[in-house]
Amino acid sequence: MALLYDAVLRPSKSELIAAWAPTQPWFVGDAAAAVERVASFRFDDPDGEVGIETLLVRFGTGPLLQIPLTYRGAPHDGGEDWLVGTMSHSVLGDRWIYDATGDPIYLANVATVALNGGHEADQFEQRDGDLIPVASTAAVRGNGIPGTPVPELAATIETTSTAGTTTATAGALRITVVRVLDGTSTAAHTKNAATLTSIWPQQSAPQLLATVTVLPG
């Protein structure tokens, strides 16, 4: 379960993305254009400490970009290379925002959902003591089999980015996140890997978001 808050964010998520994304090697679009948020979904940290959200955005008329973020209440030890920025959250206080491809909490969620045929977290907003369901604007599915074991992440995460993807390797897990969602990456293009796909209102056919490969030991 992902708990949402009616909060004021300074700077906003779009402002953080506008400053950070154009500096990345996978970025495509007009860096000076306004950021349009098209859809989003969340995963769930079992310990309830880290917010995990993936935003699908575009800059101006550019292609859709996948930007997974994690939100932490304190700096993530060893996560300096993936820090996007900090923000003030009117309910939760100061938050440290990270490129989730370097965050073990996000990577563990992606691996679990893909390998076990899972889906995005259910979202709720707390109002007057009640939990009100909030629909995700993107539906996510893994193609794996429930009960498939998920290797533990290694302490060291290595990431490499290209023109369209970011690949994170941590021990026996290799996770490739598709950054540019231009409609050309589909699950049919993968081999020997579990997949994470999504649909959203403007995308009727499942779009590949990520692949998860368990490396031989």
N, C-alpha and C. Protein backbone atom coordinates (compact mmCIF):
# COMPACT_ATOMS: atom_id res chain seq x y z
N MET A 1 0.83 -1.19 0.00
CA MET A 1 0.00 0.00 0.00
C MET A 1 0.87 1.25 0.00
N ALA A 2 0.55 2.19 -0.87
CA ALA A 2 1.25 3.46 -0.92
C ALA A 2 0.33 4.55 -0.38
N LEU A 3 0.81 5.29 0.61
CA LEU A 3 0.01 6.33 1.25
C LEU A 3 0.38 7.68 0.66
N LEU A 4 -0.62 8.39 0.13
CA LEU A 4 -0.41 9.70 -0.48
C LEU A 4 -0.85 10.79 0.49
N TYR A 5 -0.27 11.97 0.32
CA TYR A 5 -0.57 13.09 1.20
C TYR A 5 -1.00 14.30 0.39
N ASP A 6 -1.95 15.05 0.93
CA ASP A 6 -2.33 16.33 0.35
C ASP A 6 -1.34 17.35 0.90
N ALA A 7 -0.24 17.54 0.18
CA ALA A 7 0.87 18.32 0.71
C ALA A 7 1.36 19.34 -0.31
N VAL A 8 2.04 20.35 0.20
CA VAL A 8 2.72 21.33 -0.64
C VAL A 8 4.19 20.94 -0.73
N LEU A 9 4.72 20.88 -1.95
CA LEU A 9 6.10 20.48 -2.18
C LEU A 9 6.88 21.66 -2.73
N ARG A 10 8.01 21.95 -2.13
CA ARG A 10 8.88 23.03 -2.61
C ARG A 10 10.31 22.54 -2.66
N PRO A 11 10.95 22.48 -3.85
CA PRO A 11 10.33 22.67 -5.17
C PRO A 11 9.41 21.51 -5.50
N SER A 12 8.64 21.66 -6.57
CA SER A 12 7.74 20.59 -7.00
C SER A 12 8.54 19.47 -7.68
N LYS A 13 7.89 18.33 -7.87
CA LYS A 13 8.54 17.22 -8.58
C LYS A 13 8.90 17.65 -10.01
N SER A 14 8.00 18.36 -10.66
CA SER A 14 8.27 18.79 -12.03
C SER A 14 9.46 19.73 -12.08
N GLU A 15 9.60 20.60 -11.09
CA GLU A 15 10.74 21.52 -11.07
C GLU A 15 12.05 20.76 -10.87
N LEU A 16 12.04 19.77 -9.99
CA LEU A 16 13.24 18.96 -9.79
C LEU A 16 13.61 18.21 -11.06
N ILE A 17 12.62 17.62 -11.71
CA ILE A 17 12.88 16.88 -12.94
C ILE A 17 13.39 17.80 -14.04
N ALA A 18 12.81 19.00 -14.14
CA ALA A 18 13.22 19.95 -15.17
C ALA A 18 14.68 20.33 -15.04
N ALA A 19 15.19 20.38 -13.81
CA ALA A 19 16.58 20.76 -13.59
C ALA A 19 17.53 19.58 -13.76
N TRP A 20 17.06 18.38 -13.43
CA TRP A 20 17.95 17.20 -13.38
C TRP A 20 17.96 16.39 -14.67
N ALA A 21 16.79 16.08 -15.22
CA ALA A 21 16.72 15.16 -16.35
C ALA A 21 17.57 15.58 -17.55
N PRO A 22 17.59 16.86 -17.94
CA PRO A 22 18.39 17.23 -19.12
C PRO A 22 19.89 17.00 -18.95
N THR A 23 20.36 16.77 -17.72
CA THR A 23 21.79 16.51 -17.50
C THR A 23 22.14 15.05 -17.67
N GLN A 24 21.14 14.19 -17.92
CA GLN A 24 21.37 12.75 -17.98
C GLN A 24 21.61 12.30 -19.42
N PRO A 25 22.44 11.26 -19.62
CA PRO A 25 22.78 10.81 -20.98
C PRO A 25 21.60 10.25 -21.76
N TRP A 26 20.54 9.82 -21.08
CA TRP A 26 19.38 9.25 -21.76
C TRP A 26 18.35 10.30 -22.15
N PHE A 27 18.56 11.54 -21.79
CA PHE A 27 17.53 12.57 -21.99
C PHE A 27 17.30 12.85 -23.47
N VAL A 28 16.02 12.97 -23.83
CA VAL A 28 15.61 13.38 -25.17
C VAL A 28 14.50 14.42 -25.01
N GLY A 29 14.61 15.52 -25.71
CA GLY A 29 13.58 16.54 -25.62
C GLY A 29 14.18 17.93 -25.57
N ASP A 30 13.33 18.92 -25.41
CA ASP A 30 13.73 20.32 -25.33
C ASP A 30 13.91 20.67 -23.86
N ALA A 31 15.14 20.82 -23.43
CA ALA A 31 15.43 21.06 -22.02
C ALA A 31 14.76 22.33 -21.50
N ALA A 32 14.47 23.26 -22.39
CA ALA A 32 13.85 24.52 -21.97
C ALA A 32 12.33 24.46 -21.94
N ALA A 33 11.75 23.36 -22.42
CA ALA A 33 10.29 23.25 -22.51
C ALA A 33 9.70 22.88 -21.15
N ALA A 34 8.42 23.13 -21.01
CA ALA A 34 7.72 22.79 -19.78
C ALA A 34 7.61 21.27 -19.64
N VAL A 35 7.63 20.80 -18.41
CA VAL A 35 7.49 19.37 -18.12
C VAL A 35 6.01 19.02 -18.02
N GLU A 36 5.58 18.06 -18.82
CA GLU A 36 4.21 17.57 -18.76
C GLU A 36 4.19 16.21 -18.09
N ARG A 37 3.46 16.09 -16.99
CA ARG A 37 3.32 14.80 -16.31
C ARG A 37 2.14 14.06 -16.91
N VAL A 38 2.41 12.90 -17.52
CA VAL A 38 1.40 12.15 -18.26
C VAL A 38 0.73 11.09 -17.39
N ALA A 39 1.52 10.35 -16.61
CA ALA A 39 0.98 9.28 -15.78
C ALA A 39 2.00 8.94 -14.71
N SER A 40 1.57 8.14 -13.74
CA SER A 40 2.49 7.73 -12.68
C SER A 40 1.95 6.49 -11.99
N PHE A 41 2.82 5.81 -11.27
CA PHE A 41 2.43 4.68 -10.44
C PHE A 41 3.45 4.56 -9.31
N ARG A 42 3.12 3.77 -8.32
CA ARG A 42 3.99 3.61 -7.16
C ARG A 42 4.21 2.14 -6.82
N PHE A 43 5.33 1.89 -6.18
CA PHE A 43 5.58 0.62 -5.53
C PHE A 43 5.57 0.87 -4.01
N ASP A 44 5.66 -0.22 -3.25
CA ASP A 44 5.49 -0.13 -1.81
C ASP A 44 6.75 -0.61 -1.09
N ASP A 45 7.30 0.25 -0.23
CA ASP A 45 8.39 -0.16 0.65
C ASP A 45 7.78 -0.92 1.83
N PRO A 46 8.10 -2.20 2.02
CA PRO A 46 7.50 -2.96 3.13
C PRO A 46 7.74 -2.32 4.49
N ASP A 47 8.83 -1.58 4.64
CA ASP A 47 9.12 -0.94 5.92
C ASP A 47 8.46 0.43 6.06
N GLY A 48 7.82 0.91 5.00
CA GLY A 48 7.10 2.18 5.08
C GLY A 48 7.98 3.40 5.22
N GLU A 49 9.27 3.28 4.88
CA GLU A 49 10.20 4.39 5.07
C GLU A 49 10.49 5.17 3.79
N VAL A 50 10.44 4.50 2.66
CA VAL A 50 10.86 5.10 1.39
C VAL A 50 9.68 5.16 0.43
N GLY A 51 9.41 6.36 -0.09
CA GLY A 51 8.40 6.49 -1.14
C GLY A 51 9.01 6.10 -2.47
N ILE A 52 8.25 5.37 -3.29
CA ILE A 52 8.75 4.88 -4.58
C ILE A 52 7.72 5.25 -5.64
N GLU A 53 8.07 6.17 -6.50
CA GLU A 53 7.13 6.63 -7.53
C GLU A 53 7.82 6.70 -8.88
N THR A 54 7.14 6.22 -9.91
CA THR A 54 7.62 6.36 -11.28
C THR A 54 6.73 7.35 -12.00
N LEU A 55 7.35 8.37 -12.59
CA LEU A 55 6.61 9.38 -13.33
C LEU A 55 6.91 9.24 -14.82
N LEU A 56 5.89 9.33 -15.63
CA LEU A 56 6.02 9.35 -17.08
C LEU A 56 5.79 10.78 -17.53
N VAL A 57 6.82 11.40 -18.07
CA VAL A 57 6.76 12.82 -18.38
C VAL A 57 7.31 13.07 -19.79
N ARG A 58 7.01 14.24 -20.31
CA ARG A 58 7.68 14.67 -21.54
C ARG A 58 7.99 16.16 -21.43
N PHE A 59 9.04 16.53 -22.11
CA PHE A 59 9.44 17.93 -22.21
C PHE A 59 8.92 18.47 -23.52
N GLY A 60 7.96 19.37 -23.46
CA GLY A 60 7.39 19.93 -24.67
C GLY A 60 6.78 18.86 -25.54
N THR A 61 7.20 18.80 -26.80
CA THR A 61 6.69 17.81 -27.75
C THR A 61 7.61 16.60 -27.87
N GLY A 62 8.55 16.45 -26.96
CA GLY A 62 9.49 15.34 -26.99
C GLY A 62 8.83 14.02 -26.63
N PRO A 63 9.57 12.92 -26.72
CA PRO A 63 9.02 11.60 -26.38
C PRO A 63 8.77 11.46 -24.89
N LEU A 64 7.99 10.47 -24.56
CA LEU A 64 7.71 10.20 -23.16
C LEU A 64 8.94 9.61 -22.48
N LEU A 65 9.23 10.09 -21.28
CA LEU A 65 10.38 9.62 -20.51
C LEU A 65 9.91 8.95 -19.23
N GLN A 66 10.57 7.86 -18.87
CA GLN A 66 10.29 7.18 -17.61
C GLN A 66 11.31 7.63 -16.56
N ILE A 67 10.79 8.21 -15.47
CA ILE A 67 11.67 8.72 -14.42
C ILE A 67 11.22 8.15 -13.08
N PRO A 68 11.84 7.05 -12.64
CA PRO A 68 11.53 6.50 -11.31
C PRO A 68 12.31 7.25 -10.23
N LEU A 69 11.61 7.59 -9.16
CA LEU A 69 12.21 8.35 -8.07
C LEU A 69 11.94 7.65 -6.75
N THR A 70 12.85 7.83 -5.79
CA THR A 70 12.58 7.43 -4.41
C THR A 70 12.67 8.66 -3.53
N TYR A 71 11.82 8.67 -2.50
CA TYR A 71 11.73 9.79 -1.57
C TYR A 71 12.11 9.31 -0.19
N ARG A 72 13.13 9.91 0.39
CA ARG A 72 13.64 9.49 1.69
C ARG A 72 13.63 10.64 2.69
N GLY A 73 13.46 10.29 3.97
CA GLY A 73 13.42 11.29 5.02
C GLY A 73 14.78 11.67 5.55
N ALA A 74 15.84 11.05 5.03
CA ALA A 74 17.22 11.35 5.40
C ALA A 74 18.11 10.97 4.23
N PRO A 75 19.30 11.52 4.16
CA PRO A 75 20.19 11.14 3.05
C PRO A 75 20.45 9.64 3.03
N HIS A 76 20.48 9.08 1.82
CA HIS A 76 20.74 7.66 1.64
C HIS A 76 22.25 7.44 1.60
N ASP A 77 22.77 6.73 2.58
CA ASP A 77 24.20 6.48 2.66
C ASP A 77 24.69 5.75 1.41
N GLY A 78 25.62 6.35 0.71
CA GLY A 78 26.14 5.77 -0.51
C GLY A 78 25.36 6.15 -1.75
N GLY A 79 24.33 6.97 -1.61
CA GLY A 79 23.48 7.31 -2.75
C GLY A 79 23.79 8.65 -3.39
N GLU A 80 24.92 9.24 -3.06
CA GLU A 80 25.22 10.58 -3.54
C GLU A 80 25.19 10.69 -5.07
N ASP A 81 25.64 9.66 -5.75
CA ASP A 81 25.70 9.72 -7.21
C ASP A 81 24.32 9.77 -7.86
N TRP A 82 23.29 9.39 -7.12
CA TRP A 82 21.94 9.33 -7.69
C TRP A 82 21.00 10.39 -7.10
N LEU A 83 21.55 11.34 -6.36
CA LEU A 83 20.71 12.37 -5.76
C LEU A 83 20.17 13.32 -6.84
N VAL A 84 18.86 13.44 -6.90
CA VAL A 84 18.22 14.37 -7.82
C VAL A 84 18.11 15.76 -7.20
N GLY A 85 17.79 15.80 -5.91
CA GLY A 85 17.67 17.07 -5.20
C GLY A 85 16.93 16.86 -3.89
N THR A 86 16.65 17.95 -3.22
CA THR A 86 15.90 17.90 -1.96
C THR A 86 14.66 18.77 -2.09
N MET A 87 13.66 18.45 -1.28
CA MET A 87 12.44 19.26 -1.28
C MET A 87 11.89 19.35 0.14
N SER A 88 11.06 20.35 0.33
CA SER A 88 10.33 20.51 1.58
C SER A 88 8.92 19.99 1.37
N HIS A 89 8.51 19.03 2.21
CA HIS A 89 7.18 18.42 2.14
C HIS A 89 6.40 18.93 3.34
N SER A 90 5.24 19.54 3.09
CA SER A 90 4.52 20.22 4.16
C SER A 90 4.00 19.28 5.24
N VAL A 91 3.95 17.98 4.96
CA VAL A 91 3.50 17.00 5.95
C VAL A 91 4.69 16.22 6.52
N LEU A 92 5.58 15.77 5.66
CA LEU A 92 6.67 14.87 6.07
C LEU A 92 7.98 15.59 6.36
N GLY A 93 8.07 16.87 6.05
CA GLY A 93 9.31 17.61 6.31
C GLY A 93 10.28 17.51 5.15
N ASP A 94 11.56 17.62 5.44
CA ASP A 94 12.58 17.58 4.39
C ASP A 94 12.65 16.18 3.77
N ARG A 95 12.78 16.16 2.42
CA ARG A 95 12.86 14.90 1.70
C ARG A 95 14.05 14.94 0.76
N TRP A 96 14.75 13.80 0.66
CA TRP A 96 15.86 13.64 -0.27
C TRP A 96 15.36 12.79 -1.42
N ILE A 97 15.50 13.30 -2.64
CA ILE A 97 14.93 12.65 -3.82
C ILE A 97 16.06 12.02 -4.64
N TYR A 98 15.90 10.73 -4.98
CA TYR A 98 16.95 10.00 -5.68
C TYR A 98 16.45 9.40 -6.99
N ASP A 99 17.37 9.34 -7.96
CA ASP A 99 17.14 8.53 -9.15
C ASP A 99 17.03 7.09 -8.66
N ALA A 100 15.86 6.50 -8.83
CA ALA A 100 15.59 5.20 -8.19
C ALA A 100 16.42 4.07 -8.74
N THR A 101 17.02 4.25 -9.92
CA THR A 101 17.83 3.16 -10.47
C THR A 101 19.07 2.88 -9.62
N GLY A 102 19.41 3.78 -8.72
CA GLY A 102 20.52 3.54 -7.81
C GLY A 102 20.08 3.27 -6.39
N ASP A 103 18.78 3.04 -6.19
CA ASP A 103 18.23 2.84 -4.85
C ASP A 103 17.82 1.37 -4.69
N PRO A 104 18.37 0.66 -3.71
CA PRO A 104 18.06 -0.76 -3.56
C PRO A 104 16.59 -1.04 -3.28
N ILE A 105 15.87 -0.11 -2.65
CA ILE A 105 14.46 -0.34 -2.36
C ILE A 105 13.66 -0.42 -3.66
N TYR A 106 13.93 0.48 -4.59
CA TYR A 106 13.26 0.45 -5.89
C TYR A 106 13.64 -0.80 -6.67
N LEU A 107 14.93 -1.10 -6.74
CA LEU A 107 15.38 -2.25 -7.52
C LEU A 107 14.79 -3.55 -7.00
N ALA A 108 14.68 -3.69 -5.70
CA ALA A 108 14.09 -4.90 -5.13
C ALA A 108 12.62 -5.01 -5.51
N ASN A 109 11.91 -3.88 -5.56
CA ASN A 109 10.50 -3.89 -5.95
C ASN A 109 10.34 -4.28 -7.41
N VAL A 110 11.14 -3.68 -8.29
CA VAL A 110 11.04 -4.00 -9.71
C VAL A 110 11.31 -5.48 -9.94
N ALA A 111 12.36 -6.01 -9.31
CA ALA A 111 12.69 -7.42 -9.47
C ALA A 111 11.56 -8.31 -8.98
N THR A 112 11.00 -7.99 -7.83
CA THR A 112 9.92 -8.81 -7.26
C THR A 112 8.68 -8.79 -8.14
N VAL A 113 8.28 -7.61 -8.59
CA VAL A 113 7.07 -7.49 -9.42
C VAL A 113 7.27 -8.20 -10.75
N ALA A 114 8.42 -8.00 -11.40
CA ALA A 114 8.66 -8.63 -12.71
C ALA A 114 8.75 -10.14 -12.59
N LEU A 115 9.52 -10.64 -11.64
CA LEU A 115 9.75 -12.09 -11.53
C LEU A 115 8.53 -12.85 -11.02
N ASN A 116 7.66 -12.15 -10.26
CA ASN A 116 6.51 -12.82 -9.64
C ASN A 116 5.17 -12.46 -10.27
N GLY A 117 5.19 -11.75 -11.40
CA GLY A 117 3.93 -11.41 -12.06
C GLY A 117 3.08 -10.48 -11.23
N GLY A 118 3.72 -9.53 -10.56
CA GLY A 118 3.00 -8.60 -9.69
C GLY A 118 2.50 -7.37 -10.43
N HIS A 119 2.12 -6.36 -9.64
CA HIS A 119 1.56 -5.14 -10.20
C HIS A 119 1.94 -3.96 -9.30
N GLU A 120 1.53 -2.78 -9.71
CA GLU A 120 1.83 -1.58 -8.93
C GLU A 120 1.12 -1.62 -7.58
N ALA A 121 1.56 -0.78 -6.66
CA ALA A 121 0.97 -0.73 -5.32
C ALA A 121 -0.40 -0.07 -5.37
N ASP A 122 -1.30 -0.53 -4.50
CA ASP A 122 -2.56 0.17 -4.29
C ASP A 122 -2.27 1.50 -3.58
N GLN A 123 -2.96 2.56 -4.01
CA GLN A 123 -2.71 3.89 -3.46
C GLN A 123 -3.90 4.35 -2.62
N PHE A 124 -3.59 5.04 -1.52
CA PHE A 124 -4.63 5.56 -0.64
C PHE A 124 -4.23 6.96 -0.17
N GLU A 125 -5.24 7.79 0.03
CA GLU A 125 -5.04 9.09 0.65
C GLU A 125 -5.78 9.12 1.97
N GLN A 126 -5.12 9.65 2.99
CA GLN A 126 -5.73 9.70 4.32
C GLN A 126 -6.52 10.99 4.47
N ARG A 127 -7.85 10.85 4.76
CA ARG A 127 -8.72 12.00 4.93
C ARG A 127 -9.57 11.79 6.17
N ASP A 128 -9.41 12.67 7.12
CA ASP A 128 -10.21 12.61 8.36
C ASP A 128 -10.14 11.23 9.00
N GLY A 129 -8.96 10.63 8.98
CA GLY A 129 -8.76 9.34 9.62
C GLY A 129 -9.13 8.15 8.77
N ASP A 130 -9.69 8.38 7.58
CA ASP A 130 -10.07 7.29 6.69
C ASP A 130 -9.07 7.17 5.54
N LEU A 131 -8.92 5.96 5.01
CA LEU A 131 -8.07 5.73 3.85
C LEU A 131 -8.96 5.66 2.61
N ILE A 132 -8.76 6.61 1.70
CA ILE A 132 -9.56 6.70 0.49
C ILE A 132 -8.74 6.19 -0.69
N PRO A 133 -9.24 5.18 -1.42
CA PRO A 133 -8.48 4.66 -2.56
C PRO A 133 -8.25 5.75 -3.62
N VAL A 134 -7.05 5.74 -4.20
CA VAL A 134 -6.70 6.66 -5.28
C VAL A 134 -6.18 5.81 -6.44
N ALA A 135 -6.83 5.91 -7.58
CA ALA A 135 -6.44 5.08 -8.72
C ALA A 135 -5.11 5.54 -9.30
N SER A 136 -4.26 4.58 -9.66
CA SER A 136 -3.03 4.91 -10.39
C SER A 136 -3.40 5.33 -11.80
N THR A 137 -2.59 6.18 -12.39
CA THR A 137 -2.84 6.60 -13.77
C THR A 137 -2.09 5.72 -14.76
N ALA A 138 -1.37 4.73 -14.27
CA ALA A 138 -0.74 3.74 -15.13
C ALA A 138 -0.86 2.38 -14.45
N ALA A 139 -1.18 1.35 -15.24
CA ALA A 139 -1.28 -0.01 -14.72
C ALA A 139 -0.03 -0.78 -15.12
N VAL A 140 0.56 -1.47 -14.15
CA VAL A 140 1.84 -2.15 -14.35
C VAL A 140 1.68 -3.64 -14.10
N ARG A 141 2.36 -4.44 -14.92
CA ARG A 141 2.30 -5.90 -14.74
C ARG A 141 3.67 -6.52 -14.98
N GLY A 142 4.02 -7.50 -14.16
CA GLY A 142 5.18 -8.33 -14.40
C GLY A 142 4.74 -9.60 -15.11
N ASN A 143 5.64 -10.23 -15.84
CA ASN A 143 5.27 -11.43 -16.60
C ASN A 143 5.75 -12.72 -15.96
N GLY A 144 6.30 -12.62 -14.76
CA GLY A 144 6.85 -13.80 -14.10
C GLY A 144 5.80 -14.66 -13.44
N ILE A 145 6.26 -15.65 -12.68
CA ILE A 145 5.40 -16.62 -12.04
C ILE A 145 5.42 -16.39 -10.53
N PRO A 146 4.23 -16.28 -9.90
CA PRO A 146 4.21 -16.10 -8.44
C PRO A 146 5.01 -17.16 -7.72
N GLY A 147 5.74 -16.73 -6.72
CA GLY A 147 6.57 -17.65 -5.96
C GLY A 147 7.98 -17.78 -6.46
N THR A 148 8.31 -17.12 -7.57
CA THR A 148 9.68 -17.17 -8.07
C THR A 148 10.62 -16.49 -7.08
N PRO A 149 11.69 -17.14 -6.68
CA PRO A 149 12.61 -16.51 -5.72
C PRO A 149 13.32 -15.32 -6.34
N VAL A 150 13.53 -14.31 -5.53
CA VAL A 150 14.22 -13.10 -5.97
C VAL A 150 15.57 -13.02 -5.26
N PRO A 151 16.66 -13.05 -6.00
CA PRO A 151 17.98 -12.98 -5.35
C PRO A 151 18.12 -11.68 -4.56
N GLU A 152 18.88 -11.77 -3.47
CA GLU A 152 19.15 -10.56 -2.70
C GLU A 152 20.08 -9.63 -3.49
N LEU A 153 19.82 -8.34 -3.33
CA LEU A 153 20.68 -7.36 -3.97
C LEU A 153 22.03 -7.32 -3.27
N ALA A 154 23.08 -7.14 -4.04
CA ALA A 154 24.40 -6.93 -3.44
C ALA A 154 24.46 -5.53 -2.86
N ALA A 155 25.39 -5.31 -1.94
CA ALA A 155 25.52 -4.00 -1.30
C ALA A 155 25.94 -2.93 -2.30
N THR A 156 26.70 -3.33 -3.30
CA THR A 156 27.19 -2.38 -4.30
C THR A 156 26.31 -2.42 -5.54
N ILE A 157 25.85 -1.24 -5.96
CA ILE A 157 25.04 -1.10 -7.16
C ILE A 157 25.85 -0.35 -8.20
N GLU A 158 25.90 -0.89 -9.40
CA GLU A 158 26.58 -0.22 -10.50
C GLU A 158 25.55 0.12 -11.57
N THR A 159 25.53 1.36 -12.02
CA THR A 159 24.58 1.75 -13.06
C THR A 159 25.33 2.33 -14.26
N THR A 160 24.79 2.05 -15.43
CA THR A 160 25.30 2.63 -16.67
C THR A 160 24.10 3.09 -17.48
N SER A 161 24.23 4.25 -18.10
CA SER A 161 23.14 4.80 -18.91
C SER A 161 23.59 4.99 -20.35
N THR A 162 22.65 4.74 -21.27
CA THR A 162 22.88 4.95 -22.69
C THR A 162 21.87 5.97 -23.19
N ALA A 163 21.73 6.05 -24.49
CA ALA A 163 20.81 7.02 -25.07
C ALA A 163 19.35 6.72 -24.70
N GLY A 164 19.04 5.47 -24.36
CA GLY A 164 17.63 5.17 -24.09
C GLY A 164 17.34 4.37 -22.85
N THR A 165 18.38 3.92 -22.13
CA THR A 165 18.16 3.04 -20.99
C THR A 165 19.14 3.34 -19.86
N THR A 166 18.79 2.82 -18.68
CA THR A 166 19.73 2.75 -17.56
C THR A 166 19.73 1.32 -17.06
N THR A 167 20.92 0.74 -16.91
CA THR A 167 21.04 -0.62 -16.41
C THR A 167 21.73 -0.60 -15.05
N ALA A 168 21.09 -1.26 -14.09
CA ALA A 168 21.64 -1.39 -12.74
C ALA A 168 21.99 -2.85 -12.49
N THR A 169 23.19 -3.08 -12.00
CA THR A 169 23.63 -4.44 -11.66
C THR A 169 23.99 -4.48 -10.19
N ALA A 170 23.40 -5.43 -9.49
CA ALA A 170 23.67 -5.58 -8.05
C ALA A 170 23.67 -7.06 -7.73
N GLY A 171 24.85 -7.63 -7.66
CA GLY A 171 24.95 -9.06 -7.41
C GLY A 171 24.41 -9.85 -8.58
N ALA A 172 23.45 -10.75 -8.32
CA ALA A 172 22.91 -11.62 -9.36
C ALA A 172 21.79 -10.98 -10.16
N LEU A 173 21.44 -9.74 -9.86
CA LEU A 173 20.35 -9.08 -10.56
C LEU A 173 20.87 -8.01 -11.51
N ARG A 174 20.34 -8.04 -12.72
CA ARG A 174 20.60 -6.97 -13.68
C ARG A 174 19.25 -6.43 -14.13
N ILE A 175 19.02 -5.16 -13.89
CA ILE A 175 17.74 -4.54 -14.18
C ILE A 175 17.97 -3.40 -15.16
N THR A 176 17.30 -3.47 -16.30
CA THR A 176 17.40 -2.42 -17.30
C THR A 176 16.09 -1.66 -17.37
N VAL A 177 16.17 -0.36 -17.13
CA VAL A 177 15.01 0.52 -17.15
C VAL A 177 14.98 1.28 -18.47
N VAL A 178 13.87 1.17 -19.18
CA VAL A 178 13.71 1.89 -20.44
C VAL A 178 13.38 3.34 -20.11
N ARG A 179 14.22 4.24 -20.54
CA ARG A 179 14.02 5.66 -20.23
C ARG A 179 13.14 6.38 -21.24
N VAL A 180 13.32 6.04 -22.52
CA VAL A 180 12.59 6.73 -23.59
C VAL A 180 11.49 5.81 -24.08
N LEU A 181 10.23 6.18 -23.77
CA LEU A 181 9.08 5.34 -24.12
C LEU A 181 8.50 5.84 -25.43
N ASP A 182 9.14 5.47 -26.53
CA ASP A 182 8.73 5.96 -27.84
C ASP A 182 7.91 4.95 -28.62
N GLY A 183 7.48 3.87 -27.95
CA GLY A 183 6.64 2.88 -28.60
C GLY A 183 7.40 1.79 -29.32
N THR A 184 8.72 1.87 -29.36
CA THR A 184 9.50 0.87 -30.09
C THR A 184 9.97 -0.26 -29.19
N SER A 185 9.94 -0.07 -27.88
CA SER A 185 10.39 -1.11 -26.96
C SER A 185 9.19 -1.90 -26.47
N THR A 186 9.12 -3.16 -26.81
CA THR A 186 8.02 -4.02 -26.39
C THR A 186 8.58 -5.27 -25.75
N ALA A 187 7.72 -5.98 -25.03
CA ALA A 187 8.15 -7.20 -24.35
C ALA A 187 8.65 -8.24 -25.35
N ALA A 188 8.18 -8.16 -26.59
CA ALA A 188 8.61 -9.14 -27.59
C ALA A 188 10.08 -9.00 -27.93
N HIS A 189 10.66 -7.84 -27.59
CA HIS A 189 12.07 -7.60 -27.91
C HIS A 189 13.01 -8.21 -26.87
N THR A 190 12.47 -8.78 -25.81
CA THR A 190 13.31 -9.28 -24.73
C THR A 190 13.52 -10.78 -24.89
N LYS A 191 14.60 -11.27 -24.27
CA LYS A 191 14.90 -12.70 -24.31
C LYS A 191 15.58 -13.08 -23.01
N ASN A 192 15.11 -14.19 -22.42
CA ASN A 192 15.70 -14.71 -21.19
C ASN A 192 15.66 -13.70 -20.05
N ALA A 193 14.61 -12.89 -20.01
CA ALA A 193 14.48 -11.90 -18.95
C ALA A 193 13.01 -11.75 -18.58
N ALA A 194 12.76 -11.49 -17.29
CA ALA A 194 11.41 -11.12 -16.87
C ALA A 194 11.18 -9.66 -17.27
N THR A 195 9.91 -9.32 -17.47
CA THR A 195 9.61 -7.97 -17.94
C THR A 195 8.60 -7.27 -17.05
N LEU A 196 8.66 -5.96 -17.11
CA LEU A 196 7.69 -5.08 -16.47
C LEU A 196 7.09 -4.23 -17.59
N THR A 197 5.77 -4.31 -17.76
CA THR A 197 5.11 -3.53 -18.80
C THR A 197 4.01 -2.67 -18.19
N SER A 198 3.56 -1.68 -18.96
CA SER A 198 2.54 -0.78 -18.45
C SER A 198 1.66 -0.29 -19.59
N ILE A 199 0.43 0.05 -19.23
CA ILE A 199 -0.45 0.81 -20.11
C ILE A 199 -0.96 2.01 -19.34
N TRP A 200 -1.31 3.06 -20.05
CA TRP A 200 -1.86 4.28 -19.45
C TRP A 200 -2.84 4.84 -20.46
N PRO A 201 -3.62 5.86 -20.12
CA PRO A 201 -4.69 6.31 -21.01
C PRO A 201 -4.28 6.58 -22.45
N GLN A 202 -3.07 7.11 -22.67
CA GLN A 202 -2.63 7.42 -24.03
C GLN A 202 -1.89 6.25 -24.69
N GLN A 203 -1.78 5.12 -24.00
CA GLN A 203 -1.01 3.97 -24.51
C GLN A 203 -1.88 2.73 -24.38
N SER A 204 -2.44 2.27 -25.48
CA SER A 204 -3.39 1.16 -25.42
C SER A 204 -2.71 -0.21 -25.40
N ALA A 205 -1.51 -0.31 -25.98
CA ALA A 205 -0.77 -1.57 -25.98
C ALA A 205 0.29 -1.54 -24.89
N PRO A 206 0.56 -2.67 -24.24
CA PRO A 206 1.57 -2.69 -23.18
C PRO A 206 2.93 -2.20 -23.67
N GLN A 207 3.51 -1.30 -22.91
CA GLN A 207 4.82 -0.73 -23.23
C GLN A 207 5.85 -1.29 -22.26
N LEU A 208 6.99 -1.71 -22.78
CA LEU A 208 8.05 -2.25 -21.92
C LEU A 208 8.65 -1.14 -21.08
N LEU A 209 8.67 -1.36 -19.77
CA LEU A 209 9.29 -0.42 -18.83
C LEU A 209 10.64 -0.90 -18.35
N ALA A 210 10.79 -2.20 -18.13
CA ALA A 210 12.04 -2.71 -17.56
C ALA A 210 12.16 -4.19 -17.80
N THR A 211 13.40 -4.68 -17.83
CA THR A 211 13.67 -6.11 -17.86
C THR A 211 14.51 -6.47 -16.64
N VAL A 212 14.31 -7.69 -16.17
CA VAL A 212 15.04 -8.18 -14.99
C VAL A 212 15.68 -9.52 -15.37
N THR A 213 16.98 -9.57 -15.26
CA THR A 213 17.72 -10.78 -15.58
C THR A 213 18.42 -11.29 -14.32
N VAL A 214 18.26 -12.57 -14.03
CA VAL A 214 18.99 -13.20 -12.94
C VAL A 214 20.26 -13.79 -13.54
N LEU A 215 21.40 -13.27 -13.14
CA LEU A 215 22.67 -13.68 -13.71
C LEU A 215 23.10 -15.03 -13.14
N PRO A 216 23.77 -15.85 -13.93
CA PRO A 216 24.23 -17.15 -13.42
C PRO A 216 25.22 -16.95 -12.28
N GLY A 217 25.08 -17.81 -11.28
CA GLY A 217 25.95 -17.69 -10.11
C GLY A 217 27.21 -18.47 -10.23
